[in-house]
Amino acid sequence: MARTKLTKGTWTKADLALLKKMFPNNPTAAVAAKLGRPLENVKKKASRMGLKKAKKYLKSIGRD
């Protein structure tokens, strides 16, 4: 199986904008895949930015 190279290091303005747009209403794994970054890095960055999952999204996955 071929490994995909993941981006590490500096976040561009475009990366941050996409993270801010996608994070509340999408699975974190999907956001990480779209950004080409490790899942843990995306979780940490979202936390540092104060991003949260939308209540509607959490309800749709059964987490009230």
Protein backbone atom coordinates (compact mmCIF):
# COMPACT_ATOMS: atom_id res chain seq x y z
CA MET A 1 0.00 0.00 0.00
CA ALA A 2 1.36 3.40 -0.96
CA ARG A 3 1.72 5.95 1.80
CA THR A 4 0.51 9.47 1.26
CA LYS A 5 2.89 12.15 2.35
CA LEU A 6 1.35 14.24 5.11
CA THR A 7 2.12 17.91 5.53
CA LYS A 8 3.81 18.93 8.76
CA GLY A 9 4.86 22.31 10.03
CA THR A 10 3.59 25.76 9.22
CA TRP A 11 -0.10 26.25 8.55
CA THR A 12 -0.88 28.53 5.62
CA LYS A 13 -3.69 31.07 5.68
CA ALA A 14 -5.57 28.85 3.21
CA ASP A 15 -5.15 25.82 5.51
CA LEU A 16 -6.47 27.78 8.47
CA ALA A 17 -9.44 29.10 6.50
CA LEU A 18 -10.33 25.60 5.33
CA LEU A 19 -9.97 24.21 8.85
CA LYS A 20 -12.22 26.96 10.25
CA LYS A 21 -14.82 26.32 7.53
CA MET A 22 -14.85 22.51 7.61
CA PHE A 23 -14.20 21.59 11.24
CA PRO A 24 -17.60 22.35 12.83
CA ASN A 25 -19.70 20.23 10.44
CA ASN A 26 -17.42 17.42 9.25
CA PRO A 27 -15.64 14.43 10.80
CA THR A 28 -12.18 15.44 11.97
CA ALA A 29 -10.65 12.57 10.00
CA ALA A 30 -12.21 13.95 6.80
CA VAL A 31 -10.84 17.42 7.55
CA ALA A 32 -7.38 15.97 8.17
CA ALA A 33 -7.52 14.01 4.90
CA LYS A 34 -8.60 17.11 2.95
CA LEU A 35 -5.75 19.12 4.46
CA GLY A 36 -3.26 16.28 4.04
CA ARG A 37 -2.26 16.52 7.70
CA PRO A 38 -2.12 14.01 10.55
CA LEU A 39 -5.36 13.68 12.53
CA GLU A 40 -3.72 14.62 15.83
CA ASN A 41 -2.26 17.81 14.34
CA VAL A 42 -5.69 18.87 13.11
CA LYS A 43 -7.26 18.17 16.52
CA LYS A 44 -4.57 20.20 18.29
CA LYS A 45 -4.78 23.13 15.88
CA ALA A 46 -8.58 23.24 16.07
CA SER A 47 -8.39 23.21 19.86
CA ARG A 48 -5.82 26.00 19.91
CA MET A 49 -8.04 28.04 17.58
CA GLY A 50 -11.02 27.44 19.86
CA LEU A 51 -12.99 25.60 17.19
CA LYS A 52 -15.82 23.33 18.31
CA LYS A 53 -18.11 20.89 16.55
CA ALA A 54 -21.54 22.36 15.74
CA LYS A 55 -24.41 21.18 17.96
CA LYS A 56 -26.34 20.12 14.86
CA TYR A 57 -23.40 17.98 13.70
CA LEU A 58 -22.96 16.36 17.13
CA LYS A 59 -26.66 15.56 17.26
CA SER A 60 -26.50 13.99 13.78
CA ILE A 61 -23.82 11.55 14.96
CA GLY A 62 -25.69 10.75 18.17
CA ARG A 63 -23.69 12.90 20.56
CA ASP A 64 -25.96 15.40 22.22
